[in-house]
Full PDB file with SEQRES, HELIX, SHEET, SSBOND, CRYST1, ORIGX, SCALE, CONECT and MASTER records, all heavy atoms in Angstrom:
SEQRES   1 A   39  THR ASP ASP GLU ILE ASP LYS ILE GLU GLU LEU LEU GLY          
SEQRES   2 A   39  TRP MET ARG GLU LYS PHE GLU GLU GLY ASP LEU VAL SER          
SEQRES   3 A   39  TYR SER GLU GLY ASN ALA ARG LEU HIS ARG THR ILE ALA          
HELIX    1 AA1 ASP A    2  GLU A   21  1                                  20    
HELIX    2 AA2 LEU A   24  ILE A   38  1                                  15    
CRYST1    1.000    1.000    1.000  90.00  90.00  90.00 P 1           1          
ORIGX1      1.000000  0.000000  0.000000        0.00000                         
ORIGX2      0.000000  1.000000  0.000000        0.00000                         
ORIGX3      0.000000  0.000000  1.000000        0.00000                         
SCALE1      1.000000  0.000000  0.000000        0.00000                         
SCALE2      0.000000  1.000000  0.000000        0.00000                         
SCALE3      0.000000  0.000000  1.000000        0.00000                         
ATOM      1  N   THR A   1      -3.907  -1.099  -4.556  1.00  0.00           N  
ATOM      2  CA  THR A   1      -2.609  -1.440  -3.975  1.00  0.00           C  
ATOM      3  C   THR A   1      -2.462  -2.988  -4.112  1.00  0.00           C  
ATOM      4  O   THR A   1      -3.484  -3.814  -4.447  1.00  0.00           O  
ATOM      5  CB  THR A   1      -2.646  -1.215  -2.546  1.00  0.00           C  
ATOM      6  OG1 THR A   1      -3.596  -1.855  -1.758  1.00  0.00           O  
ATOM      7  CG2 THR A   1      -2.907   0.259  -2.433  1.00  0.00           C  
ATOM      8  N   ASP A   2      -1.381  -3.591  -3.834  1.00  0.00           N  
ATOM      9  CA  ASP A   2      -1.017  -4.963  -3.907  1.00  0.00           C  
ATOM     10  C   ASP A   2      -1.993  -5.667  -2.904  1.00  0.00           C  
ATOM     11  O   ASP A   2      -2.615  -6.805  -3.063  1.00  0.00           O  
ATOM     12  CB  ASP A   2       0.461  -5.297  -3.563  1.00  0.00           C  
ATOM     13  CG  ASP A   2       1.329  -4.926  -4.743  1.00  0.00           C  
ATOM     14  OD1 ASP A   2       0.878  -4.677  -5.844  1.00  0.00           O  
ATOM     15  OD2 ASP A   2       2.528  -4.804  -4.532  1.00  0.00           O  
ATOM     16  N   ASP A   3      -2.092  -5.163  -1.642  1.00  0.00           N  
ATOM     17  CA  ASP A   3      -2.988  -5.745  -0.607  1.00  0.00           C  
ATOM     18  C   ASP A   3      -4.394  -5.730  -1.056  1.00  0.00           C  
ATOM     19  O   ASP A   3      -5.055  -6.697  -0.780  1.00  0.00           O  
ATOM     20  CB  ASP A   3      -2.869  -4.864   0.681  1.00  0.00           C  
ATOM     21  CG  ASP A   3      -1.496  -5.164   1.334  1.00  0.00           C  
ATOM     22  OD1 ASP A   3      -0.876  -6.212   1.064  1.00  0.00           O  
ATOM     23  OD2 ASP A   3      -1.152  -4.292   2.307  1.00  0.00           O  
ATOM     24  N   GLU A   4      -4.900  -4.707  -1.782  1.00  0.00           N  
ATOM     25  CA  GLU A   4      -6.190  -4.671  -2.297  1.00  0.00           C  
ATOM     26  C   GLU A   4      -6.512  -5.738  -3.334  1.00  0.00           C  
ATOM     27  O   GLU A   4      -7.543  -6.305  -3.388  1.00  0.00           O  
ATOM     28  CB  GLU A   4      -6.624  -3.288  -2.756  1.00  0.00           C  
ATOM     29  CG  GLU A   4      -6.667  -2.229  -1.578  1.00  0.00           C  
ATOM     30  CD  GLU A   4      -6.896  -0.756  -2.172  1.00  0.00           C  
ATOM     31  OE1 GLU A   4      -6.309  -0.535  -3.289  1.00  0.00           O  
ATOM     32  OE2 GLU A   4      -7.362   0.024  -1.483  1.00  0.00           O  
ATOM     33  N   ILE A   5      -5.507  -5.990  -4.209  1.00  0.00           N  
ATOM     34  CA  ILE A   5      -5.662  -6.969  -5.152  1.00  0.00           C  
ATOM     35  C   ILE A   5      -5.666  -8.288  -4.520  1.00  0.00           C  
ATOM     36  O   ILE A   5      -6.503  -9.175  -4.899  1.00  0.00           O  
ATOM     37  CB  ILE A   5      -4.392  -6.903  -6.175  1.00  0.00           C  
ATOM     38  CG1 ILE A   5      -4.765  -5.593  -7.030  1.00  0.00           C  
ATOM     39  CG2 ILE A   5      -4.433  -8.149  -7.108  1.00  0.00           C  
ATOM     40  CD1 ILE A   5      -3.529  -5.256  -8.036  1.00  0.00           C  
ATOM     41  N   ASP A   6      -4.830  -8.539  -3.528  1.00  0.00           N  
ATOM     42  CA  ASP A   6      -4.928  -9.892  -2.907  1.00  0.00           C  
ATOM     43  C   ASP A   6      -6.229 -10.000  -2.185  1.00  0.00           C  
ATOM     44  O   ASP A   6      -6.766 -11.141  -2.121  1.00  0.00           O  
ATOM     45  CB  ASP A   6      -3.919  -9.830  -1.677  1.00  0.00           C  
ATOM     46  CG  ASP A   6      -2.481  -9.921  -2.177  1.00  0.00           C  
ATOM     47  OD1 ASP A   6      -2.270 -10.320  -3.347  1.00  0.00           O  
ATOM     48  OD2 ASP A   6      -1.582  -9.659  -1.364  1.00  0.00           O  
ATOM     49  N   LYS A   7      -6.919  -8.984  -1.695  1.00  0.00           N  
ATOM     50  CA  LYS A   7      -8.181  -9.012  -1.084  1.00  0.00           C  
ATOM     51  C   LYS A   7      -9.300  -9.498  -2.094  1.00  0.00           C  
ATOM     52  O   LYS A   7     -10.124 -10.383  -1.837  1.00  0.00           O  
ATOM     53  CB  LYS A   7      -8.630  -7.737  -0.504  1.00  0.00           C  
ATOM     54  CG  LYS A   7      -9.891  -7.618   0.275  1.00  0.00           C  
ATOM     55  CD  LYS A   7     -10.118  -6.335   1.025  1.00  0.00           C  
ATOM     56  CE  LYS A   7     -11.444  -6.265   1.653  1.00  0.00           C  
ATOM     57  NZ  LYS A   7     -11.682  -5.024   2.347  1.00  0.00           N  
ATOM     58  N   ILE A   8      -9.260  -8.846  -3.311  1.00  0.00           N  
ATOM     59  CA  ILE A   8     -10.340  -9.295  -4.227  1.00  0.00           C  
ATOM     60  C   ILE A   8     -10.028 -10.655  -4.776  1.00  0.00           C  
ATOM     61  O   ILE A   8     -10.954 -11.364  -5.132  1.00  0.00           O  
ATOM     62  CB  ILE A   8     -10.504  -8.183  -5.397  1.00  0.00           C  
ATOM     63  CG1 ILE A   8      -9.206  -8.018  -6.127  1.00  0.00           C  
ATOM     64  CG2 ILE A   8     -11.103  -6.974  -4.790  1.00  0.00           C  
ATOM     65  CD1 ILE A   8      -9.388  -7.092  -7.330  1.00  0.00           C  
ATOM     66  N   GLU A   9      -8.851 -11.050  -4.854  1.00  0.00           N  
ATOM     67  CA  GLU A   9      -8.515 -12.330  -5.429  1.00  0.00           C  
ATOM     68  C   GLU A   9      -9.053 -13.397  -4.400  1.00  0.00           C  
ATOM     69  O   GLU A   9      -9.526 -14.454  -4.675  1.00  0.00           O  
ATOM     70  CB  GLU A   9      -7.019 -12.415  -5.569  1.00  0.00           C  
ATOM     71  CG  GLU A   9      -6.681 -11.737  -6.942  1.00  0.00           C  
ATOM     72  CD  GLU A   9      -5.146 -11.897  -7.241  1.00  0.00           C  
ATOM     73  OE1 GLU A   9      -4.321 -12.130  -6.285  1.00  0.00           O  
ATOM     74  OE2 GLU A   9      -4.789 -11.739  -8.439  1.00  0.00           O  
ATOM     75  N   GLU A  10      -8.821 -13.117  -3.098  1.00  0.00           N  
ATOM     76  CA  GLU A  10      -9.232 -13.939  -2.110  1.00  0.00           C  
ATOM     77  C   GLU A  10     -10.756 -14.145  -1.974  1.00  0.00           C  
ATOM     78  O   GLU A  10     -11.346 -15.232  -1.829  1.00  0.00           O  
ATOM     79  CB  GLU A  10      -8.725 -13.483  -0.647  1.00  0.00           C  
ATOM     80  CG  GLU A  10      -9.156 -14.429   0.540  1.00  0.00           C  
ATOM     81  CD  GLU A  10      -8.603 -13.919   1.736  1.00  0.00           C  
ATOM     82  OE1 GLU A  10      -7.727 -13.017   1.635  1.00  0.00           O  
ATOM     83  OE2 GLU A  10      -9.078 -14.265   2.787  1.00  0.00           O  
ATOM     84  N   LEU A  11     -11.464 -12.944  -2.238  1.00  0.00           N  
ATOM     85  CA  LEU A  11     -12.868 -12.974  -2.271  1.00  0.00           C  
ATOM     86  C   LEU A  11     -13.458 -13.633  -3.510  1.00  0.00           C  
ATOM     87  O   LEU A  11     -14.477 -14.429  -3.282  1.00  0.00           O  
ATOM     88  CB  LEU A  11     -13.414 -11.339  -2.266  1.00  0.00           C  
ATOM     89  CG  LEU A  11     -14.903 -11.286  -2.204  1.00  0.00           C  
ATOM     90  CD1 LEU A  11     -15.539 -12.076  -1.069  1.00  0.00           C  
ATOM     91  CD2 LEU A  11     -15.156  -9.842  -2.136  1.00  0.00           C  
ATOM     92  N   LEU A  12     -12.833 -13.532  -4.565  1.00  0.00           N  
ATOM     93  CA  LEU A  12     -13.263 -14.309  -5.792  1.00  0.00           C  
ATOM     94  C   LEU A  12     -12.993 -15.848  -5.510  1.00  0.00           C  
ATOM     95  O   LEU A  12     -13.899 -16.579  -5.869  1.00  0.00           O  
ATOM     96  CB  LEU A  12     -12.343 -13.839  -6.996  1.00  0.00           C  
ATOM     97  CG  LEU A  12     -12.717 -14.691  -8.274  1.00  0.00           C  
ATOM     98  CD1 LEU A  12     -14.039 -14.259  -8.788  1.00  0.00           C  
ATOM     99  CD2 LEU A  12     -11.653 -14.369  -9.304  1.00  0.00           C  
ATOM    100  N   GLY A  13     -11.972 -16.274  -4.771  1.00  0.00           N  
ATOM    101  CA  GLY A  13     -11.790 -17.608  -4.512  1.00  0.00           C  
ATOM    102  C   GLY A  13     -12.847 -18.167  -3.591  1.00  0.00           C  
ATOM    103  O   GLY A  13     -13.355 -19.297  -3.830  1.00  0.00           O  
ATOM    104  N   TRP A  14     -13.355 -17.379  -2.656  1.00  0.00           N  
ATOM    105  CA  TRP A  14     -14.433 -17.724  -1.836  1.00  0.00           C  
ATOM    106  C   TRP A  14     -15.767 -17.809  -2.553  1.00  0.00           C  
ATOM    107  O   TRP A  14     -16.525 -18.761  -2.332  1.00  0.00           O  
ATOM    108  CB  TRP A  14     -14.584 -16.709  -0.581  1.00  0.00           C  
ATOM    109  CG  TRP A  14     -15.686 -16.937   0.292  1.00  0.00           C  
ATOM    110  CD1 TRP A  14     -15.507 -17.643   1.453  1.00  0.00           C  
ATOM    111  CD2 TRP A  14     -17.013 -16.444   0.331  1.00  0.00           C  
ATOM    112  NE1 TRP A  14     -16.801 -17.608   2.104  1.00  0.00           N  
ATOM    113  CE2 TRP A  14     -17.593 -17.094   1.445  1.00  0.00           C  
ATOM    114  CE3 TRP A  14     -17.742 -15.707  -0.544  1.00  0.00           C  
ATOM    115  CZ2 TRP A  14     -18.954 -16.765   1.708  1.00  0.00           C  
ATOM    116  CZ3 TRP A  14     -19.065 -15.563  -0.276  1.00  0.00           C  
ATOM    117  CH2 TRP A  14     -19.733 -16.013   0.824  1.00  0.00           C  
ATOM    118  N   MET A  15     -15.972 -16.981  -3.436  1.00  0.00           N  
ATOM    119  CA  MET A  15     -17.157 -16.949  -4.355  1.00  0.00           C  
ATOM    120  C   MET A  15     -17.146 -18.186  -5.141  1.00  0.00           C  
ATOM    121  O   MET A  15     -18.204 -18.870  -5.243  1.00  0.00           O  
ATOM    122  CB  MET A  15     -17.274 -15.775  -5.240  1.00  0.00           C  
ATOM    123  CG  MET A  15     -17.574 -14.460  -4.498  1.00  0.00           C  
ATOM    124  SD  MET A  15     -17.336 -12.980  -5.579  1.00  0.00           S  
ATOM    125  CE  MET A  15     -18.478 -13.329  -6.902  1.00  0.00           C  
ATOM    126  N   ARG A  16     -15.921 -18.597  -5.651  1.00  0.00           N  
ATOM    127  CA  ARG A  16     -15.874 -19.866  -6.444  1.00  0.00           C  
ATOM    128  C   ARG A  16     -16.222 -21.057  -5.632  1.00  0.00           C  
ATOM    129  O   ARG A  16     -16.969 -22.002  -6.063  1.00  0.00           O  
ATOM    130  CB  ARG A  16     -14.523 -20.021  -7.004  1.00  0.00           C  
ATOM    131  CG  ARG A  16     -14.312 -21.139  -7.977  1.00  0.00           C  
ATOM    132  CD  ARG A  16     -12.960 -21.219  -8.592  1.00  0.00           C  
ATOM    133  NE  ARG A  16     -12.778 -20.088  -9.612  1.00  0.00           N  
ATOM    134  CZ  ARG A  16     -12.033 -19.060  -9.458  1.00  0.00           C  
ATOM    135  NH1 ARG A  16     -11.299 -18.900  -8.350  1.00  0.00           N  
ATOM    136  NH2 ARG A  16     -11.989 -18.108 -10.397  1.00  0.00           N  
ATOM    137  N   GLU A  17     -15.785 -21.126  -4.388  1.00  0.00           N  
ATOM    138  CA  GLU A  17     -16.124 -22.115  -3.427  1.00  0.00           C  
ATOM    139  C   GLU A  17     -17.652 -22.323  -3.204  1.00  0.00           C  
ATOM    140  O   GLU A  17     -18.104 -23.361  -3.231  1.00  0.00           O  
ATOM    141  CB  GLU A  17     -15.370 -22.015  -2.144  1.00  0.00           C  
ATOM    142  CG  GLU A  17     -13.778 -22.197  -2.061  1.00  0.00           C  
ATOM    143  CD  GLU A  17     -13.181 -21.931  -0.842  1.00  0.00           C  
ATOM    144  OE1 GLU A  17     -13.947 -21.704   0.145  1.00  0.00           O  
ATOM    145  OE2 GLU A  17     -12.023 -22.052  -0.729  1.00  0.00           O  
ATOM    146  N   LYS A  18     -18.278 -21.157  -3.068  1.00  0.00           N  
ATOM    147  CA  LYS A  18     -19.731 -21.159  -2.817  1.00  0.00           C  
ATOM    148  C   LYS A  18     -20.450 -21.592  -4.144  1.00  0.00           C  
ATOM    149  O   LYS A  18     -21.498 -22.296  -3.954  1.00  0.00           O  
ATOM    150  CB  LYS A  18     -20.116 -19.813  -2.345  1.00  0.00           C  
ATOM    151  CG  LYS A  18     -19.620 -19.380  -1.024  1.00  0.00           C  
ATOM    152  CD  LYS A  18     -19.859 -20.314   0.037  1.00  0.00           C  
ATOM    153  CE  LYS A  18     -19.302 -20.096   1.463  1.00  0.00           C  
ATOM    154  NZ  LYS A  18     -19.559 -21.224   2.421  1.00  0.00           N  
ATOM    155  N   PHE A  19     -19.940 -21.106  -5.195  1.00  0.00           N  
ATOM    156  CA  PHE A  19     -20.560 -21.630  -6.537  1.00  0.00           C  
ATOM    157  C   PHE A  19     -20.434 -23.119  -6.641  1.00  0.00           C  
ATOM    158  O   PHE A  19     -21.470 -23.736  -7.035  1.00  0.00           O  
ATOM    159  CB  PHE A  19     -19.792 -20.974  -7.575  1.00  0.00           C  
ATOM    160  CG  PHE A  19     -20.184 -21.585  -9.047  1.00  0.00           C  
ATOM    161  CD1 PHE A  19     -21.429 -21.208  -9.635  1.00  0.00           C  
ATOM    162  CD2 PHE A  19     -19.367 -22.396  -9.627  1.00  0.00           C  
ATOM    163  CE1 PHE A  19     -21.784 -21.594 -10.774  1.00  0.00           C  
ATOM    164  CE2 PHE A  19     -19.643 -22.814 -10.790  1.00  0.00           C  
ATOM    165  CZ  PHE A  19     -20.918 -22.553 -11.536  1.00  0.00           C  
ATOM    166  N   GLU A  20     -19.321 -23.634  -6.356  1.00  0.00           N  
ATOM    167  CA  GLU A  20     -19.084 -25.161  -6.486  1.00  0.00           C  
ATOM    168  C   GLU A  20     -19.990 -25.896  -5.482  1.00  0.00           C  
ATOM    169  O   GLU A  20     -20.306 -27.051  -5.732  1.00  0.00           O  
ATOM    170  CB  GLU A  20     -17.652 -25.428  -6.255  1.00  0.00           C  
ATOM    171  CG  GLU A  20     -16.750 -24.950  -7.432  1.00  0.00           C  
ATOM    172  CD  GLU A  20     -15.241 -25.135  -7.354  1.00  0.00           C  
ATOM    173  OE1 GLU A  20     -14.888 -25.526  -6.134  1.00  0.00           O  
ATOM    174  OE2 GLU A  20     -14.490 -24.847  -8.162  1.00  0.00           O  
ATOM    175  N   GLU A  21     -20.297 -25.291  -4.205  1.00  0.00           N  
ATOM    176  CA  GLU A  21     -21.090 -25.890  -3.337  1.00  0.00           C  
ATOM    177  C   GLU A  21     -22.578 -25.723  -3.690  1.00  0.00           C  
ATOM    178  O   GLU A  21     -23.383 -26.323  -2.945  1.00  0.00           O  
ATOM    179  CB  GLU A  21     -20.781 -25.243  -1.921  1.00  0.00           C  
ATOM    180  CG  GLU A  21     -19.532 -25.604  -1.415  1.00  0.00           C  
ATOM    181  CD  GLU A  21     -19.141 -24.773  -0.145  1.00  0.00           C  
ATOM    182  OE1 GLU A  21     -20.017 -23.944   0.283  1.00  0.00           O  
ATOM    183  OE2 GLU A  21     -17.998 -24.900   0.435  1.00  0.00           O  
ATOM    184  N   GLY A  22     -22.828 -24.857  -4.698  1.00  0.00           N  
ATOM    185  CA  GLY A  22     -24.284 -24.636  -5.032  1.00  0.00           C  
ATOM    186  C   GLY A  22     -24.971 -23.695  -4.108  1.00  0.00           C  
ATOM    187  O   GLY A  22     -26.102 -23.600  -4.082  1.00  0.00           O  
ATOM    188  N   ASP A  23     -24.219 -23.007  -3.296  1.00  0.00           N  
ATOM    189  CA  ASP A  23     -24.800 -22.041  -2.426  1.00  0.00           C  
ATOM    190  C   ASP A  23     -24.760 -20.624  -3.092  1.00  0.00           C  
ATOM    191  O   ASP A  23     -24.015 -19.759  -2.885  1.00  0.00           O  
ATOM    192  CB  ASP A  23     -23.882 -21.966  -1.147  1.00  0.00           C  
ATOM    193  CG  ASP A  23     -24.457 -21.063  -0.049  1.00  0.00           C  
ATOM    194  OD1 ASP A  23     -25.583 -20.310  -0.363  1.00  0.00           O  
ATOM    195  OD2 ASP A  23     -23.991 -20.977   1.068  1.00  0.00           O  
ATOM    196  N   LEU A  24     -25.874 -20.335  -3.954  1.00  0.00           N  
ATOM    197  CA  LEU A  24     -25.941 -19.193  -4.682  1.00  0.00           C  
ATOM    198  C   LEU A  24     -26.313 -17.986  -3.966  1.00  0.00           C  
ATOM    199  O   LEU A  24     -25.943 -16.848  -4.251  1.00  0.00           O  
ATOM    200  CB  LEU A  24     -26.871 -19.421  -5.860  1.00  0.00           C  
ATOM    201  CG  LEU A  24     -26.554 -20.519  -6.855  1.00  0.00           C  
ATOM    202  CD1 LEU A  24     -27.543 -20.559  -8.052  1.00  0.00           C  
ATOM    203  CD2 LEU A  24     -25.103 -20.310  -7.516  1.00  0.00           C  
ATOM    204  N   VAL A  25     -26.982 -18.114  -2.751  1.00  0.00           N  
ATOM    205  CA  VAL A  25     -27.311 -17.069  -1.870  1.00  0.00           C  
ATOM    206  C   VAL A  25     -25.991 -16.353  -1.319  1.00  0.00           C  
ATOM    207  O   VAL A  25     -25.755 -15.198  -1.390  1.00  0.00           O  
ATOM    208  CB  VAL A  25     -28.190 -17.506  -0.857  1.00  0.00           C  
ATOM    209  CG1 VAL A  25     -28.418 -16.307   0.184  1.00  0.00           C  
ATOM    210  CG2 VAL A  25     -29.555 -17.806  -1.368  1.00  0.00           C  
ATOM    211  N   SER A  26     -25.069 -17.329  -0.784  1.00  0.00           N  
ATOM    212  CA  SER A  26     -23.846 -16.871  -0.386  1.00  0.00           C  
ATOM    213  C   SER A  26     -23.001 -16.290  -1.516  1.00  0.00           C  
ATOM    214  O   SER A  26     -22.182 -15.242  -1.279  1.00  0.00           O  
ATOM    215  CB  SER A  26     -23.113 -17.929   0.384  1.00  0.00           C  
ATOM    216  OG  SER A  26     -23.776 -18.423   1.630  1.00  0.00           O  
ATOM    217  N   TYR A  27     -22.978 -16.901  -2.638  1.00  0.00           N  
ATOM    218  CA  TYR A  27     -22.230 -16.424  -3.741  1.00  0.00           C  
ATOM    219  C   TYR A  27     -22.770 -15.059  -4.088  1.00  0.00           C  
ATOM    220  O   TYR A  27     -21.883 -14.064  -4.312  1.00  0.00           O  
ATOM    221  CB  TYR A  27     -22.450 -17.305  -4.939  1.00  0.00           C  
ATOM    222  CG  TYR A  27     -21.865 -16.766  -6.268  1.00  0.00           C  
ATOM    223  CD1 TYR A  27     -20.655 -17.040  -6.603  1.00  0.00           C  
ATOM    224  CD2 TYR A  27     -22.658 -15.935  -7.122  1.00  0.00           C  
ATOM    225  CE1 TYR A  27     -20.033 -16.536  -7.772  1.00  0.00           C  
ATOM    226  CE2 TYR A  27     -22.125 -15.382  -8.257  1.00  0.00           C  
ATOM    227  CZ  TYR A  27     -20.766 -15.658  -8.606  1.00  0.00           C  
ATOM    228  OH  TYR A  27     -20.205 -15.227  -9.712  1.00  0.00           O  
ATOM    229  N   SER A  28     -23.988 -14.865  -4.027  1.00  0.00           N  
ATOM    230  CA  SER A  28     -24.596 -13.464  -4.188  1.00  0.00           C  
ATOM    231  C   SER A  28     -24.064 -12.459  -3.281  1.00  0.00           C  
ATOM    232  O   SER A  28     -23.823 -11.323  -3.619  1.00  0.00           O  
ATOM    233  CB  SER A  28     -26.025 -13.470  -4.354  1.00  0.00           C  
ATOM    234  OG  SER A  28     -26.581 -12.238  -4.533  1.00  0.00           O  
ATOM    235  N   GLU A  29     -23.905 -12.763  -2.057  1.00  0.00           N  
ATOM    236  CA  GLU A  29     -23.439 -11.958  -0.933  1.00  0.00           C  
ATOM    237  C   GLU A  29     -21.962 -11.680  -1.234  1.00  0.00           C  
ATOM    238  O   GLU A  29     -21.576 -10.356  -1.131  1.00  0.00           O  
ATOM    239  CB  GLU A  29     -23.693 -12.586   0.433  1.00  0.00           C  
ATOM    240  CG  GLU A  29     -24.958 -12.706   0.859  1.00  0.00           C  
ATOM    241  CD  GLU A  29     -25.192 -13.536   2.122  1.00  0.00           C  
ATOM    242  OE1 GLU A  29     -24.197 -14.023   2.531  1.00  0.00           O  
ATOM    243  OE2 GLU A  29     -26.281 -13.658   2.645  1.00  0.00           O  
ATOM    244  N   GLY A  30     -21.220 -12.588  -1.762  1.00  0.00           N  
ATOM    245  CA  GLY A  30     -19.802 -12.284  -2.082  1.00  0.00           C  
ATOM    246  C   GLY A  30     -19.793 -11.431  -3.298  1.00  0.00           C  
ATOM    247  O   GLY A  30     -18.845 -10.600  -3.469  1.00  0.00           O  
ATOM    248  N   ASN A  31     -20.578 -11.517  -4.176  1.00  0.00           N  
ATOM    249  CA  ASN A  31     -20.746 -10.741  -5.421  1.00  0.00           C  
ATOM    250  C   ASN A  31     -20.853  -9.259  -5.000  1.00  0.00           C  
ATOM    251  O   ASN A  31     -20.155  -8.404  -5.380  1.00  0.00           O  
ATOM    252  CB  ASN A  31     -22.014 -11.228  -6.303  1.00  0.00           C  
ATOM    253  CG  ASN A  31     -22.287 -10.313  -7.431  1.00  0.00           C  
ATOM    254  OD1 ASN A  31     -21.531  -9.331  -7.722  1.00  0.00           O  
ATOM    255  ND2 ASN A  31     -23.310 -10.517  -8.127  1.00  0.00           N  
ATOM    256  N   ALA A  32     -21.909  -8.978  -4.053  1.00  0.00           N  
ATOM    257  CA  ALA A  32     -22.064  -7.675  -3.592  1.00  0.00           C  
ATOM    258  C   ALA A  32     -20.923  -7.102  -2.890  1.00  0.00           C  
ATOM    259  O   ALA A  32     -20.449  -5.904  -3.126  1.00  0.00           O  
ATOM    260  CB  ALA A  32     -23.314  -7.589  -2.684  1.00  0.00           C  
ATOM    261  N   ARG A  33     -20.148  -7.922  -2.101  1.00  0.00           N  
ATOM    262  CA  ARG A  33     -18.936  -7.500  -1.380  1.00  0.00           C  
ATOM    263  C   ARG A  33     -17.807  -7.100  -2.390  1.00  0.00           C  
ATOM    264  O   ARG A  33     -17.082  -6.180  -2.216  1.00  0.00           O  
ATOM    265  CB  ARG A  33     -18.524  -8.539  -0.371  1.00  0.00           C  
ATOM    266  CG  ARG A  33     -19.460  -8.768   0.799  1.00  0.00           C  
ATOM    267  CD  ARG A  33     -18.618  -9.396   2.033  1.00  0.00           C  
ATOM    268  NE  ARG A  33     -18.083 -10.593   1.629  1.00  0.00           N  
ATOM    269  CZ  ARG A  33     -18.718 -11.788   1.690  1.00  0.00           C  
ATOM    270  NH1 ARG A  33     -19.993 -11.738   2.163  1.00  0.00           N  
ATOM    271  NH2 ARG A  33     -18.175 -12.951   1.361  1.00  0.00           N  
ATOM    272  N   LEU A  34     -17.807  -8.006  -3.404  1.00  0.00           N  
ATOM    273  CA  LEU A  34     -16.718  -7.755  -4.468  1.00  0.00           C  
ATOM    274  C   LEU A  34     -16.895  -6.419  -5.147  1.00  0.00           C  
ATOM    275  O   LEU A  34     -16.066  -5.650  -5.339  1.00  0.00           O  
ATOM    276  CB  LEU A  34     -16.671  -8.855  -5.464  1.00  0.00           C  
ATOM    277  CG  LEU A  34     -15.597  -8.738  -6.639  1.00  0.00           C  
ATOM    278  CD1 LEU A  34     -14.205  -8.823  -6.021  1.00  0.00           C  
ATOM    279  CD2 LEU A  34     -15.888  -9.880  -7.647  1.00  0.00           C  
ATOM    280  N   HIS A  35     -18.107  -6.172  -5.544  1.00  0.00           N  
ATOM    281  CA  HIS A  35     -18.377  -4.855  -6.177  1.00  0.00           C  
ATOM    282  C   HIS A  35     -18.082  -3.639  -5.296  1.00  0.00           C  
ATOM    283  O   HIS A  35     -17.575  -2.643  -5.699  1.00  0.00           O  
ATOM    284  CB  HIS A  35     -19.861  -4.861  -6.735  1.00  0.00           C  
ATOM    285  CG  HIS A  35     -20.088  -5.578  -7.984  1.00  0.00           C  
ATOM    286  ND1 HIS A  35     -19.843  -4.986  -9.208  1.00  0.00           N  
ATOM    287  CD2 HIS A  35     -20.357  -6.841  -8.227  1.00  0.00           C  
ATOM    288  CE1 HIS A  35     -20.187  -5.862 -10.091  1.00  0.00           C  
ATOM    289  NE2 HIS A  35     -20.418  -7.109  -9.646  1.00  0.00           N  
ATOM    290  N   ARG A  36     -18.531  -3.794  -3.886  1.00  0.00           N  
ATOM    291  CA  ARG A  36     -18.277  -2.735  -2.964  1.00  0.00           C  
ATOM    292  C   ARG A  36     -16.736  -2.519  -2.852  1.00  0.00           C  
ATOM    293  O   ARG A  36     -16.366  -1.393  -2.728  1.00  0.00           O  
ATOM    294  CB  ARG A  36     -18.834  -3.126  -1.632  1.00  0.00           C  
ATOM    295  CG  ARG A  36     -20.462  -2.812  -1.631  1.00  0.00           C  
ATOM    296  CD  ARG A  36     -20.878  -2.828  -0.164  1.00  0.00           C  
ATOM    297  NE  ARG A  36     -20.572  -3.987   0.581  1.00  0.00           N  
ATOM    298  CZ  ARG A  36     -21.436  -5.180   0.659  1.00  0.00           C  
ATOM    299  NH1 ARG A  36     -22.512  -5.139   0.006  1.00  0.00           N  
ATOM    300  NH2 ARG A  36     -21.007  -6.138   1.387  1.00  0.00           N  
ATOM    301  N   THR A  37     -16.056  -3.585  -2.646  1.00  0.00           N  
ATOM    302  CA  THR A  37     -14.576  -3.604  -2.511  1.00  0.00           C  
ATOM    303  C   THR A  37     -13.815  -2.928  -3.704  1.00  0.00           C  
ATOM    304  O   THR A  37     -12.983  -2.060  -3.577  1.00  0.00           O  
ATOM    305  CB  THR A  37     -14.027  -4.839  -2.260  1.00  0.00           C  
ATOM    306  OG1 THR A  37     -14.684  -5.514  -1.319  1.00  0.00           O  
ATOM    307  CG2 THR A  37     -12.440  -4.851  -2.063  1.00  0.00           C  
ATOM    308  N   ILE A  38     -14.334  -3.159  -4.940  1.00  0.00           N  
ATOM    309  CA  ILE A  38     -13.710  -2.536  -6.091  1.00  0.00           C  
ATOM    310  C   ILE A  38     -14.107  -1.095  -6.164  1.00  0.00           C  
ATOM    311  O   ILE A  38     -13.180  -0.319  -6.566  1.00  0.00           O  
ATOM    312  CB  ILE A  38     -14.310  -3.211  -7.442  1.00  0.00           C  
ATOM    313  CG1 ILE A  38     -13.791  -4.740  -7.559  1.00  0.00           C  
ATOM    314  CG2 ILE A  38     -13.904  -2.422  -8.662  1.00  0.00           C  
ATOM    315  CD1 ILE A  38     -14.341  -5.428  -8.499  1.00  0.00           C  
ATOM    316  N   ALA A  39     -15.223  -0.720  -5.666  1.00  0.00           N  
ATOM    317  CA  ALA A  39     -15.649   0.712  -5.614  1.00  0.00           C  
ATOM    318  C   ALA A  39     -14.732   1.419  -4.680  1.00  0.00           C  
ATOM    319  O   ALA A  39     -14.244   2.510  -4.881  1.00  0.00           O  
ATOM    320  CB  ALA A  39     -17.071   0.853  -5.255  1.00  0.00           C  
TER     321      ALA A  39                                                      
MASTER        0    0    0    2    0    0    0    6  320    1    0    3          
END                                                                             
């Protein structure tokens, strides 16, 4: 749905922020959430 697409785009943006901060542990947590959300 459109709302679900908005959700994964927002999550990807959060992951990008964590990547730029060098926080790879949080990035990894976002990675897992993204895969679960897509499922």
